[in-house]
Protein backbone atom coordinates (compact mmCIF):
# COMPACT_ATOMS: atom_id res chain seq x y z
CA MET A 1 65.65 90.57 35.64
CA ALA A 2 66.80 91.24 32.12
CA VAL A 3 67.52 87.57 31.62
CA LEU A 4 64.02 86.62 32.65
CA LEU A 5 62.54 89.07 30.20
CA LEU A 6 64.58 87.57 27.41
CA PHE A 7 63.04 84.12 28.11
CA ARG A 8 59.45 85.43 28.32
CA ILE A 9 59.41 87.18 24.96
CA PRO A 10 59.69 83.95 22.80
CA LEU A 11 57.11 82.22 24.99
CA LEU A 12 54.63 85.03 24.50
CA LEU A 13 55.27 85.03 20.77
CA CYS A 14 54.64 81.25 20.67
CA LEU A 15 51.41 81.54 22.63
CA ALA A 16 50.25 84.35 20.44
CA PHE A 17 50.98 82.25 17.39
CA LYS A 18 48.96 79.28 18.72
CA VAL A 19 46.05 81.46 19.60
CA ASP A 20 45.90 82.80 16.06
CA ALA A 21 46.33 79.31 14.30
CA ALA A 22 43.32 77.68 12.48
CA ILE A 23 41.66 74.77 14.25
CA TYR A 24 39.43 72.08 12.65
CA ARG A 25 35.84 72.43 13.52
CA THR A 26 34.75 69.61 11.15
CA ARG A 27 37.24 67.08 9.96
CA PRO A 28 36.56 65.14 6.74
CA GLN A 29 35.07 61.68 7.48
CA PRO A 30 35.36 58.41 5.54
CA THR A 31 32.44 58.33 3.15
CA ALA A 32 30.95 55.80 0.71
CA ALA A 33 28.94 56.70 -2.33
CA LEU A 34 27.13 54.58 -4.84
CA LEU A 35 28.35 54.85 -8.36
CA GLY A 36 26.60 57.80 -10.06
CA GLN A 37 25.50 59.51 -6.86
CA THR A 38 26.56 62.95 -5.52
CA VAL A 39 28.71 63.03 -2.41
CA THR A 40 29.93 65.86 -0.14
CA LEU A 41 33.11 65.76 1.92
CA ARG A 42 32.79 68.23 4.79
CA CYS A 43 35.59 70.43 6.20
CA SER A 44 35.44 73.60 8.40
CA PHE A 45 37.79 75.62 10.68
CA TYR A 46 37.90 77.94 13.63
CA ASN A 47 40.16 81.02 13.68
CA LEU A 48 40.81 81.24 10.00
CA ARG A 49 43.04 84.24 9.22
CA THR A 50 42.24 86.39 6.29
CA ASP A 51 45.34 85.19 4.54
CA ASP A 52 44.65 81.47 5.27
CA VAL A 53 43.75 79.38 2.22
CA VAL A 54 41.86 76.08 2.56
CA ASN A 55 43.07 73.45 0.07
CA TRP A 56 41.62 70.11 -1.08
CA PHE A 57 43.83 67.32 -2.31
CA GLY A 58 42.71 63.99 -3.76
CA PRO A 59 43.47 60.89 -5.78
CA PRO A 60 45.60 59.93 -7.32
CA GLU A 61 48.50 60.76 -4.98
CA PHE A 62 46.98 63.87 -3.43
CA GLN A 63 46.55 65.92 -6.56
CA HIS A 64 45.68 69.55 -5.82
CA ILE A 65 41.98 69.92 -6.46
CA SER A 66 41.08 73.33 -5.07
CA ALA A 67 42.36 76.39 -3.23
CA ALA A 68 39.83 78.30 -1.22
CA ARG A 69 36.77 78.09 -3.46
CA ASN A 70 38.64 77.78 -6.71
CA VAL A 71 38.61 74.30 -8.32
CA HIS A 72 41.12 73.17 -10.90
CA SER A 73 39.66 73.06 -14.38
CA ARG A 74 40.25 69.36 -14.85
CA TYR A 75 37.81 68.55 -12.03
CA THR A 76 34.63 69.43 -13.85
CA ARG A 77 32.35 67.50 -11.53
CA TYR A 78 33.87 69.01 -8.37
CA ALA A 79 32.88 72.13 -6.44
CA VAL A 80 33.69 73.77 -3.09
CA VAL A 81 30.49 74.67 -1.31
CA ASP A 82 29.61 76.01 2.10
CA SER A 83 26.50 76.28 4.16
CA ASN A 84 27.81 79.31 6.06
CA ALA A 85 30.58 81.41 4.60
CA ASP A 86 31.35 83.08 7.88
CA ALA A 87 31.73 79.72 9.64
CA GLY A 88 34.83 78.81 7.65
CA GLU A 89 33.26 75.87 5.83
CA PHE A 90 34.92 74.56 2.69
CA ASN A 91 32.98 71.41 1.70
CA LEU A 92 34.02 69.46 -1.40
CA GLU A 93 31.09 68.28 -3.54
CA ILE A 94 31.53 65.56 -6.20
CA ARG A 95 28.71 64.98 -8.67
CA ASN A 96 28.08 61.75 -10.59
CA VAL A 97 30.67 59.81 -8.65
CA GLN A 98 32.82 57.49 -10.76
CA GLN A 99 35.24 54.74 -9.90
CA GLU A 100 38.27 57.04 -10.43
CA ASP A 101 36.95 59.23 -7.61
CA ASP A 102 37.65 56.45 -5.15
CA GLY A 103 40.57 57.28 -2.84
CA ILE A 104 41.89 59.46 0.02
CA TYR A 105 41.07 63.18 0.22
CA ARG A 106 42.76 65.85 2.40
CA CYS A 107 41.47 69.20 3.63
CA SER A 108 44.10 71.57 5.14
CA THR A 109 45.46 75.13 5.56
CA PHE A 110 48.99 76.42 5.79
CA TYR A 111 48.66 77.14 9.47
CA ALA A 112 46.55 74.13 10.49
CA GLU A 113 48.28 71.37 12.33
CA ASN A 114 47.75 67.64 11.62
CA ALA A 115 46.05 67.77 8.25
CA ALA A 116 42.80 65.74 8.13
CA ASP A 117 42.46 62.89 5.62
CA ALA A 118 39.31 60.93 4.69
CA ARG A 119 38.65 58.07 2.32
CA LEU A 120 35.93 58.15 -0.29
CA THR A 121 34.75 54.67 -1.31
CA VAL A 122 32.86 54.39 -4.56
CA VAL A 123 30.56 51.36 -4.35
CA VAL A 124 29.80 49.39 -7.53
CA PRO A 125 27.08 46.72 -7.02
CA PRO A 126 27.68 43.13 -8.25
CA VAL A 127 26.38 42.26 -11.69
CA LYS A 128 23.98 39.67 -10.21
CA ARG A 129 23.17 37.86 -7.02
CA PRO A 130 25.55 35.07 -5.95
CA GLU A 131 24.93 31.56 -7.21
CA MET A 132 25.36 28.28 -5.37
CA ILE A 133 26.69 25.08 -6.94
CA ILE A 134 26.49 21.64 -5.27
CA LYS A 135 29.24 19.25 -6.34
CA SER A 136 27.22 16.08 -5.79
CA ASP A 137 24.02 14.88 -7.42
CA PRO A 138 22.31 13.67 -5.43
CA PRO A 139 24.04 14.15 -2.07
CA THR A 140 24.07 10.78 -0.31
CA VAL A 141 24.73 9.86 3.29
CA GLY A 142 28.35 8.86 3.92
CA GLN A 143 29.72 10.93 1.04
CA ALA A 144 31.67 14.20 1.11
CA LEU A 145 29.94 17.32 -0.16
CA SER A 146 31.37 20.49 -1.73
CA VAL A 147 29.16 23.56 -2.03
CA ILE A 148 30.44 26.51 -4.05
CA CYS A 149 29.22 30.11 -3.69
CA ARG A 150 30.17 32.38 -6.56
CA SER A 151 29.74 36.16 -6.84
CA SER A 152 30.16 38.10 -10.08
CA GLY A 153 31.53 41.65 -10.13
CA GLY A 154 31.09 44.36 -7.55
CA ARG A 155 33.45 46.95 -6.00
CA PRO A 156 34.60 46.52 -3.40
CA ALA A 157 34.49 42.73 -3.86
CA PRO A 158 31.74 41.19 -1.73
CA LYS A 159 32.68 39.22 1.34
CA LEU A 160 31.19 35.72 1.15
CA THR A 161 29.98 34.17 4.40
CA TRP A 162 28.10 30.91 5.09
CA TYR A 163 25.08 30.35 7.31
CA ASN A 164 23.35 27.19 8.47
CA GLY A 165 19.89 28.59 8.81
CA THR A 166 20.54 31.75 10.81
CA HIS A 167 23.79 30.54 12.40
CA LEU A 168 27.09 31.69 11.01
CA VAL A 169 29.32 28.79 10.01
CA ARG A 170 32.65 29.08 11.78
CA GLN A 171 35.64 26.79 11.79
CA PRO A 172 35.60 24.20 13.15
CA VAL A 173 31.90 23.38 13.35
CA HIS A 174 30.87 19.71 13.49
CA GLY A 175 33.84 18.72 11.39
CA TRP A 176 33.13 21.25 8.66
CA ASN A 177 35.81 23.21 6.85
CA ARG A 178 34.90 26.84 6.86
CA GLY A 179 34.25 28.27 3.43
CA ARG A 180 37.51 29.36 1.95
CA LYS A 181 38.06 31.72 -0.90
CA THR A 182 39.63 29.81 -3.74
CA LEU A 183 39.18 32.37 -6.51
CA ASP A 184 38.11 35.98 -6.66
CA GLY A 185 34.42 36.07 -5.84
CA GLN A 186 34.19 32.35 -5.00
CA SER A 187 33.98 30.41 -1.73
CA VAL A 188 33.82 26.65 -1.15
CA LEU A 189 32.16 24.95 1.83
CA MET A 190 33.28 21.37 2.52
CA LEU A 191 31.22 18.80 4.42
CA PRO A 192 33.53 15.78 4.80
CA VAL A 193 30.84 13.17 5.68
CA LEU A 194 27.13 13.64 5.14
CA THR A 195 24.69 12.22 7.67
CA LYS A 196 20.92 11.85 7.59
CA TRP A 197 20.73 14.84 9.92
CA ASP A 198 22.17 17.04 7.17
CA ASN A 199 19.05 16.42 5.11
CA GLY A 200 16.91 19.54 5.07
CA MET A 201 19.79 21.82 6.07
CA ASN A 202 19.17 25.38 4.86
CA LEU A 203 22.54 26.59 3.57
CA THR A 204 22.89 30.30 2.80
CA CYS A 205 25.74 32.17 1.15
CA LYS A 206 25.79 35.92 1.80
CA ALA A 207 27.69 38.32 -0.48
CA ASP A 208 28.13 41.56 1.47
CA GLN A 209 30.07 44.64 0.26
CA GLY A 210 29.84 46.15 3.72
CA TYR A 211 27.54 49.07 2.86
CA PRO A 212 24.03 47.80 3.47
CA ASP A 213 22.62 51.36 3.28
CA LEU A 214 23.84 51.60 -0.31
CA VAL A 215 23.72 48.01 -1.59
CA GLU A 216 21.62 45.22 -0.14
CA PRO A 217 23.72 42.09 0.45
CA GLY A 218 23.20 39.35 -2.13
CA ILE A 219 21.96 36.00 -0.83
CA ALA A 220 21.86 32.50 -2.34
CA SER A 221 20.21 29.62 -0.46
CA THR A 222 19.62 25.93 -0.93
CA VAL A 223 18.05 23.17 1.12
CA LEU A 224 20.20 20.05 1.12
CA ASN A 225 18.40 16.98 -0.14
CA VAL A 226 20.55 14.25 1.38
CA GLN A 227 19.44 10.75 0.46
CA TYR A 228 19.70 8.07 3.14
CA PRO A 229 18.44 4.49 3.53
CA PRO A 230 15.07 3.65 5.09
CA THR A 231 14.90 2.95 8.79
CA ILE A 232 11.83 1.61 10.57
CA GLN A 233 10.97 3.76 13.55
CA THR A 234 8.24 1.66 15.16
CA GLN A 235 9.14 -0.99 17.73
CA PHE A 236 6.82 -3.99 17.73
CA ASP A 237 6.30 -6.20 20.75
CA LYS A 238 4.22 -9.34 20.67
CA VAL A 239 0.71 -8.16 19.85
CA ASP A 240 -2.31 -9.96 21.36
CA VAL A 241 -5.53 -9.63 19.36
CA LEU A 242 -8.92 -10.90 20.53
CA PHE A 243 -10.51 -13.48 18.24
CA GLY A 244 -13.29 -11.92 16.16
CA ASN A 245 -11.99 -8.35 16.53
CA THR A 246 -13.12 -6.41 13.45
CA ASP A 247 -11.32 -3.10 13.91
CA TYR A 248 -7.73 -4.08 14.61
CA SER A 249 -4.88 -2.37 12.74
CA LEU A 250 -1.11 -2.18 13.08
CA GLU A 251 0.79 0.76 11.61
CA CYS A 252 4.45 0.79 10.65
CA LYS A 253 6.38 4.06 10.43
CA ALA A 254 9.64 4.41 8.55
CA ASP A 255 11.99 7.27 7.69
CA GLY A 256 14.14 7.61 4.60
CA ASN A 257 14.95 9.76 1.61
CA PRO A 258 13.47 9.15 -0.91
CA LYS A 259 10.33 8.49 1.10
CA PRO A 260 10.15 4.72 1.53
CA LYS A 261 7.28 2.55 0.37
CA ILE A 262 5.92 0.76 3.43
CA ARG A 263 4.15 -2.60 3.20
CA TRP A 264 3.49 -5.64 5.35
CA ARG A 265 4.48 -9.18 4.40
CA ARG A 266 3.55 -12.51 5.89
CA THR A 267 6.89 -14.00 6.91
CA ASN A 268 8.33 -16.54 4.46
CA THR A 269 5.65 -15.78 1.87
CA ASN A 270 5.15 -13.41 -1.03
CA LEU A 271 1.83 -12.25 0.39
CA TYR A 272 1.91 -8.47 0.90
CA PHE A 273 -0.55 -6.17 2.69
CA SER A 274 -0.89 -2.39 2.69
CA ASN A 275 0.09 -0.22 5.64
CA PRO A 276 -1.47 0.02 8.20
CA LEU A 277 -2.04 -3.72 8.47
CA ARG A 278 -5.78 -4.26 8.93
CA PHE A 279 -7.87 -7.38 9.50
CA SER A 280 -11.56 -7.38 8.61
CA LYS A 281 -11.95 -10.08 11.22
CA SER A 282 -9.21 -11.43 13.44
CA ASP A 283 -9.13 -15.22 13.50
CA TYR A 284 -6.53 -17.89 14.06
CA GLN A 285 -5.59 -17.90 10.39
CA THR A 286 -4.29 -14.33 10.74
CA GLU A 287 -2.05 -15.31 13.64
CA GLY A 288 1.64 -15.53 12.91
CA ASP A 289 4.80 -13.61 12.07
CA TYR A 290 4.63 -10.51 9.89
CA GLU A 291 7.30 -8.16 8.60
CA CYS A 292 7.12 -4.44 8.07
CA VAL A 293 9.00 -3.83 4.81
CA ALA A 294 10.31 -0.35 3.93
CA GLU A 295 11.81 0.10 0.45
CA SER A 296 13.63 3.07 -1.10
CA LEU A 297 15.16 3.06 -4.56
CA GLY A 298 18.92 2.61 -4.42
CA PHE A 299 19.09 1.38 -0.80
CA PRO A 300 18.77 -1.98 0.95
CA THR A 301 15.30 -2.91 2.17
CA ALA A 302 14.59 -2.37 5.87
CA ARG A 303 12.59 -5.02 7.75
CA ARG A 304 11.18 -5.37 11.23
CA GLN A 305 9.21 -8.32 12.56
CA ALA A 306 5.93 -8.26 14.44
CA VAL A 307 4.26 -11.28 16.04
CA ILE A 308 0.46 -11.29 16.07
CA ASN A 309 -1.04 -13.65 18.63
CA VAL A 310 -4.80 -14.25 18.43
CA ILE A 311 -6.47 -15.29 21.66
CA GLY A 312 -10.09 -16.17 22.34
CA ARG A 313 -12.71 -18.87 22.07
CA PRO A 314 -12.12 -22.02 19.98
CA ASP A 315 -12.77 -21.85 16.25
CA ILE A 316 -13.73 -25.07 14.50
CA ARG A 317 -13.00 -24.82 10.80
CA GLY A 318 -15.59 -25.72 8.21
CA ASP A 319 -19.34 -25.42 7.72
CA PRO A 320 -22.07 -27.96 8.49
CA GLU A 321 -21.67 -30.95 6.16
CA THR A 322 -23.94 -33.73 4.89
CA ILE A 323 -22.27 -37.05 4.08
CA ARG A 324 -24.11 -39.62 1.96
CA THR A 325 -22.76 -43.14 2.15
CA SER A 326 -23.83 -46.73 1.69
CA GLN A 327 -23.91 -49.57 4.16
CA GLY A 328 -20.64 -51.24 4.99
CA THR A 329 -18.40 -48.29 4.12
CA SER A 330 -16.11 -46.38 6.48
CA VAL A 331 -16.77 -42.73 7.39
CA THR A 332 -14.27 -40.28 8.92
CA LEU A 333 -15.36 -37.00 10.52
CA LEU A 334 -12.60 -34.40 11.09
CA CYS A 335 -12.98 -31.62 13.62
CA GLU A 336 -10.13 -29.06 13.22
CA VAL A 337 -10.00 -26.88 16.33
CA ASN A 338 -7.92 -23.70 16.54
CA ALA A 339 -7.71 -22.17 19.99
CA ASP A 340 -5.53 -19.99 22.23
CA PRO A 341 -5.42 -20.69 25.12
CA PRO A 342 -5.65 -24.44 24.43
CA ILE A 343 -9.03 -26.10 24.62
CA SER A 344 -10.13 -27.69 27.85
CA SER A 345 -12.25 -30.34 26.11
CA ILE A 346 -13.54 -31.70 22.79
CA SER A 347 -16.84 -33.60 22.86
CA TRP A 348 -18.78 -35.59 20.24
CA PHE A 349 -22.55 -36.02 20.29
CA TRP A 350 -24.83 -38.13 18.09
CA ARG A 351 -28.56 -37.61 17.55
CA ASN A 352 -30.18 -40.52 15.69
CA ASP A 353 -33.13 -40.39 13.32
CA ARG A 354 -35.53 -40.70 16.25
CA GLY A 355 -34.04 -37.61 17.97
CA ARG A 356 -32.23 -39.44 20.75
CA GLN A 357 -28.88 -37.80 21.64
CA THR A 358 -25.88 -39.78 22.84
CA ALA A 359 -22.50 -38.54 24.06
CA LEU A 360 -19.75 -40.42 22.22
CA ARG A 361 -16.69 -41.11 24.30
CA LYS A 362 -13.34 -42.30 23.10
CA ASN A 363 -13.49 -45.94 21.93
CA ARG A 364 -16.54 -46.74 24.08
CA VAL A 365 -18.98 -47.31 21.24
CA SER A 366 -18.64 -50.44 19.12
CA GLY A 367 -17.43 -49.65 15.63
CA VAL A 368 -16.78 -45.98 16.49
CA SER A 369 -13.31 -44.67 17.41
CA ILE A 370 -12.22 -41.16 18.43
CA ARG A 371 -8.66 -39.89 18.51
CA GLN A 372 -6.92 -36.53 18.80
CA ARG A 373 -3.73 -35.03 17.45
CA ALA A 374 -1.96 -31.77 18.22
CA THR A 375 -1.45 -29.20 15.45
CA ALA A 376 0.41 -25.90 15.19
CA MET A 377 -2.85 -24.00 15.66
CA GLY A 378 -4.62 -26.27 18.15
CA THR A 379 -6.06 -29.79 18.11
CA ASP A 380 -7.72 -32.11 15.58
CA SER A 381 -10.37 -34.56 16.76
CA ILE A 382 -11.10 -37.47 14.40
CA LEU A 383 -14.18 -39.71 14.63
CA VAL A 384 -14.16 -42.90 12.53
CA ILE A 385 -17.12 -45.25 11.91
CA ASP A 386 -15.60 -48.49 10.62
CA SER A 387 -18.64 -50.07 8.93
CA VAL A 388 -21.64 -47.84 8.50
CA GLY A 389 -25.09 -49.28 8.96
CA THR A 390 -28.53 -47.75 8.92
CA GLY A 391 -28.30 -47.51 12.69
CA ASN A 392 -25.41 -45.02 12.36
CA ALA A 393 -27.44 -42.43 10.47
CA GLY A 394 -28.17 -39.10 12.10
CA GLU A 395 -26.52 -35.85 13.18
CA TYR A 396 -23.04 -35.77 14.70
CA SER A 397 -21.75 -32.68 16.51
CA CYS A 398 -18.23 -31.78 17.59
CA LYS A 399 -17.91 -29.22 20.42
CA ALA A 400 -14.77 -27.55 21.79
CA ALA A 401 -14.44 -25.14 24.73
CA ASN A 402 -11.89 -23.04 26.61
CA MET A 403 -12.02 -20.16 29.10
CA PHE A 404 -13.26 -17.70 26.44
CA GLY A 405 -16.19 -19.78 25.15
CA GLU A 406 -17.02 -22.65 22.80
CA ASP A 407 -17.68 -23.53 19.16
CA SER A 408 -19.23 -26.50 17.36
CA ARG A 409 -19.59 -28.09 13.94
CA ASP A 410 -22.35 -30.43 12.73
CA PHE A 411 -22.21 -33.41 10.37
CA THR A 412 -25.24 -35.27 8.97
CA ILE A 413 -24.74 -38.89 7.87
CA VAL A 414 -27.29 -40.30 5.44
CA VAL A 415 -27.04 -44.08 4.92
CA GLU A 416 -28.48 -45.19 1.60
CA GLU A 417 -29.53 -48.77 0.79
CA ASN A 418 -27.30 -50.64 -1.62
CA MET A 419 -28.62 -50.59 -5.19
CA PRO A 420 -28.22 -53.99 -6.99
CA THR A 421 -27.18 -53.94 -10.63
CA SER A 422 -27.20 -56.78 -13.18
CA ASN A 423 -23.95 -57.77 -14.82
CA GLY A 424 -23.20 -55.91 -18.00
CA THR A 425 -25.82 -53.24 -17.46
CA LYS A 426 -25.44 -49.66 -16.41
CA PRO A 427 -26.66 -48.57 -12.97
CA LEU A 428 -30.31 -47.70 -12.88
CA PRO A 429 -31.70 -44.43 -11.54
CA PRO A 430 -33.19 -44.19 -8.02
CA PRO A 431 -36.77 -45.28 -7.40
CA HIS A 432 -39.79 -43.17 -8.17
CA PRO A 433 -41.76 -41.54 -5.35
CA LYS A 434 -44.65 -43.77 -4.23
CA GLU A 435 -42.18 -46.60 -4.97
CA THR A 436 -43.54 -46.75 -8.50
CA SER A 437 -40.62 -47.33 -10.83
CA MET A 438 -38.81 -44.83 -13.03
CA MET A 439 -38.80 -46.10 -16.62
CA GLU A 440 -35.96 -46.18 -19.09
CA LEU A 441 -36.73 -46.79 -22.74
CA GLU A 442 -34.31 -48.32 -25.16
CA ASP A 443 -35.96 -47.20 -28.33
CA PHE A 444 -35.43 -48.63 -31.78
CA GLY A 445 -37.32 -46.01 -33.69
CA GLY A 446 -39.89 -45.31 -31.00
CA THR A 447 -40.67 -42.20 -29.02
CA MET A 448 -41.86 -41.66 -25.46
CA LYS A 449 -44.22 -38.91 -24.39
CA PRO A 450 -46.20 -38.05 -21.27
CA ARG A 451 -49.76 -39.14 -21.02
CA PRO A 452 -52.46 -36.46 -21.02
CA PRO A 453 -53.45 -35.05 -17.62
CA PRO A 454 -55.10 -37.72 -15.45
CA LYS A 455 -58.81 -38.00 -15.32
CA GLY A 456 -60.76 -39.61 -12.61
CA GLU A 457 -59.01 -42.71 -11.32
CA LYS A 458 -56.11 -42.58 -13.82
CA ASP A 459 -52.56 -42.58 -12.48
CA LEU A 460 -50.53 -39.37 -12.69
CA TYR A 461 -47.36 -41.29 -13.58
CA ALA A 462 -48.69 -43.18 -16.62
CA ILE A 463 -46.69 -42.75 -19.83
CA GLY A 464 -47.19 -43.68 -23.44
CA VAL A 465 -44.74 -45.23 -25.90
CA ASN A 466 -45.25 -44.64 -29.64
CA TYR A 467 -43.48 -46.59 -32.34
CA PRO A 468 -43.72 -46.49 -36.14
CA LYS A 469 -44.83 -49.33 -38.32
CA LYS A 470 -41.84 -49.77 -40.61
CA ALA A 471 -38.87 -48.79 -38.44
CA ALA A 472 -37.00 -52.02 -39.27
CA ALA A 473 -37.52 -55.62 -40.07
CA ILE A 474 -37.94 -56.26 -36.39
CA LEU A 475 -39.32 -53.45 -34.31
CA GLY A 476 -38.53 -53.68 -30.61
CA VAL A 477 -39.11 -51.45 -27.67
CA ILE A 478 -37.39 -52.30 -24.43
CA LEU A 479 -38.74 -50.81 -21.25
CA ALA A 480 -36.64 -51.18 -18.12
CA ILE A 481 -38.63 -50.63 -14.99
CA LEU A 482 -36.75 -50.24 -11.74
CA LEU A 483 -38.25 -51.15 -8.40
CA VAL A 484 -36.49 -51.89 -5.14
CA GLY A 485 -36.82 -55.52 -6.26
CA PRO A 486 -35.31 -57.03 -9.45
CA ALA A 487 -35.82 -55.48 -12.91
CA THR A 488 -38.14 -56.85 -15.59
CA LEU A 489 -38.05 -56.51 -19.36
CA TYR A 490 -41.27 -56.14 -21.29
CA ARG A 491 -40.89 -56.99 -24.95
CA CYS A 492 -43.10 -55.96 -27.79
CA ARG A 493 -42.70 -58.16 -30.86
CA LYS A 494 -44.02 -58.10 -34.36
CA LYS A 495 -46.79 -60.52 -34.90
CA GLY A 496 -45.54 -63.82 -36.25
CA GLN A 497 -42.00 -63.41 -34.81
CA ASP A 498 -40.89 -66.01 -32.30
CA LEU A 499 -39.04 -65.08 -29.11
CA PRO A 500 -36.74 -67.51 -27.33
CA ASN A 501 -38.95 -69.80 -25.30
CA ASN A 502 -41.65 -67.20 -25.89
CA ILE A 503 -41.33 -66.00 -22.28
CA ALA A 504 -40.14 -62.96 -20.40
CA PRO A 505 -39.60 -62.40 -16.67
CA VAL A 506 -42.33 -60.43 -15.03
CA LEU A 507 -42.10 -58.40 -11.82
CA PRO A 508 -44.24 -59.52 -8.94
CA LEU A 509 -47.16 -57.19 -9.41
CA GLN A 510 -50.36 -57.03 -7.50
CA ARG A 511 -52.30 -56.31 -10.68
CA VAL A 512 -50.72 -57.49 -13.90
CA SER A 513 -53.70 -56.08 -15.72
CA ASP A 514 -52.38 -52.57 -15.04
CA MET A 515 -50.15 -53.06 -18.05
CA ARG A 516 -52.12 -53.00 -21.26
CA VAL A 517 -51.81 -52.24 -24.94
CA SER A 518 -54.26 -49.70 -26.23
CA ASN A 519 -55.02 -47.36 -29.08
CA ILE A 520 -53.85 -49.67 -31.86
CA ASN A 521 -54.66 -47.67 -34.95
CA HIS A 522 -55.10 -48.79 -38.55
CA VAL A 523 -52.69 -48.38 -41.41
CA GLY A 524 -49.46 -48.37 -39.39
CA GLN A 525 -50.22 -45.55 -36.95
CA GLY A 526 -48.44 -47.53 -34.21
CA GLY A 527 -49.73 -48.16 -30.70
CA ASN A 528 -49.29 -47.33 -27.03
CA ILE A 529 -48.08 -49.45 -24.17
CA VAL A 530 -49.57 -48.00 -21.02
CA MET A 531 -48.11 -48.68 -17.56
CA GLY A 532 -49.93 -47.20 -14.65
CA ASP A 533 -49.87 -47.55 -10.90
CA LEU A 534 -47.36 -50.41 -10.76
CA GLN A 535 -47.33 -51.48 -7.12
CA ARG A 536 -44.45 -53.37 -5.51
CA GLU A 537 -45.29 -56.54 -3.70
CA GLU A 538 -43.56 -57.20 -0.39
CA SER A 539 -41.52 -60.16 -1.55
CA THR A 540 -37.95 -61.27 -1.36
CA PRO A 541 -35.61 -60.88 -4.32
CA SER A 542 -35.82 -64.63 -4.94
CA GLU A 543 -39.57 -64.56 -5.56
CA HIS A 544 -39.55 -64.29 -9.34
CA HIS A 545 -42.73 -64.87 -11.39
CA TYR A 546 -42.83 -65.74 -15.02
CA GLU A 547 -45.78 -65.62 -17.37
CA GLU A 548 -45.94 -67.01 -20.85
CA ILE A 549 -46.68 -64.46 -23.53
CA LYS A 550 -49.37 -65.82 -25.83
CA ASP A 551 -50.57 -64.43 -29.14
CA ASP A 552 -54.12 -64.11 -27.93
CA ASP A 553 -52.95 -62.10 -24.89
CA VAL A 554 -52.10 -59.20 -27.15
CA TYR A 555 -54.78 -56.71 -28.01
CA ASN A 556 -55.23 -56.99 -31.79
CA ASN A 557 -57.13 -55.00 -34.41
CA ASP A 558 -58.31 -56.52 -37.65
CA LYS A 559 -55.77 -54.98 -40.05
CA SER A 560 -52.94 -54.03 -37.65
CA GLU A 561 -49.57 -55.60 -38.34
CA THR A 562 -48.08 -54.62 -35.02
CA SER A 563 -48.48 -55.76 -31.47
């Protein structure tokens, strides 16, 4: 029994000691404070004995700061405060926190077990937001790209992380090298090979000190502008367009950076069109191969071909045409027909001057031949008249047809009579209406003027010829009068001058008296030769008449020296 009592006494003493020992009610917690702020480190106990002293220790190396509520004199910004003195609270308050306050603090008593430590972190914001530097200008597809994120200052040093949009960049991601810290406050992101899909990437570098409630993380962002060659996105099949369509267009779409210039080009030509390709009217001339051309500075040109096929009724090129020709010549009429699908027939028709229409078939009309030849756009039909006569005059029409419809073109052939000309003379003008001749005057000092308005029975086409008295030693006026028959020269000579054989050829006239000399004035005022209403006689070119010119046939005044 005595032995058992000896063992129980130490146990009771130990239990009594533990019951009386101080126990932490509030342990100090890790705390962060922004530079210049006031921070409180909390510490409180249960079962504090009257002789227990609560002590605070701090940086550097657990220097003794306070005992109970007494603070060492060198800690002027420190104080021990409590919210309830009876609750055993001994909270350490630090005003105007500075960087030297950063460190580990301890709150303890002599009898407390397992002293409680807590770290105070003094946060110093960075001097400025992070900056981003791209080591390529401009970034181009196929190249490597280095992007640097740099942060200046800050305590603790910010942690730099990379984001693609909102996604954190981790290693490995699509062949990237995760940003690595090369220098204090600097991180480099490597993209080994740029692709066109990297264009427009929103890269973000985040500088975070880990205390978002005290300091907002710094962010730097950039959108990658990766240049890449143009590529044409549109696929073109063979395009069928109806002939005559007025609202057809073909658009080409291309992608590239810089934005490509898109145009259309007629293949194998330098003829360019804007995009979309539009035709005011689709015809067979617009049919063919075209290229969409996309161009970006610094890159090869992208091309893609499109084939435009026009289908529809035949189209005969050219407008109605009038052909004037003389007898005996050859005339060729060309009918150029463009058509898709090919024409089923080409027909020629002739309507003569009397309105009679005749279908002309290949080589079935004497002197007229018709042949055809194939062309890239259709068929040409050629009509040839070997030797044109007056009987070939009239309207010729070429007509072509296929399953979509037909088209035609008209030609008018006018056969003119041959105009005889004398050797050594210039061609004479065409005949006057009413078959009264036009007159040409070879004037040696004379003038020609219209006659006054006709009166009564006088002819509208009469003219007068005036000549001076002393123009030259010999004054001559030659009048050339053209009829369908041969020409005639009328000569006016000075009185007393002999002409060879004293004769001149005279046209076959019904009334020779219609030519007369009148208004012979005195004292050299000259005279008029009047020709009016000269009528052609129905005679052959061989029927020439000659009349002798006699002195007394000329109208003469007493004192006139001219005739």
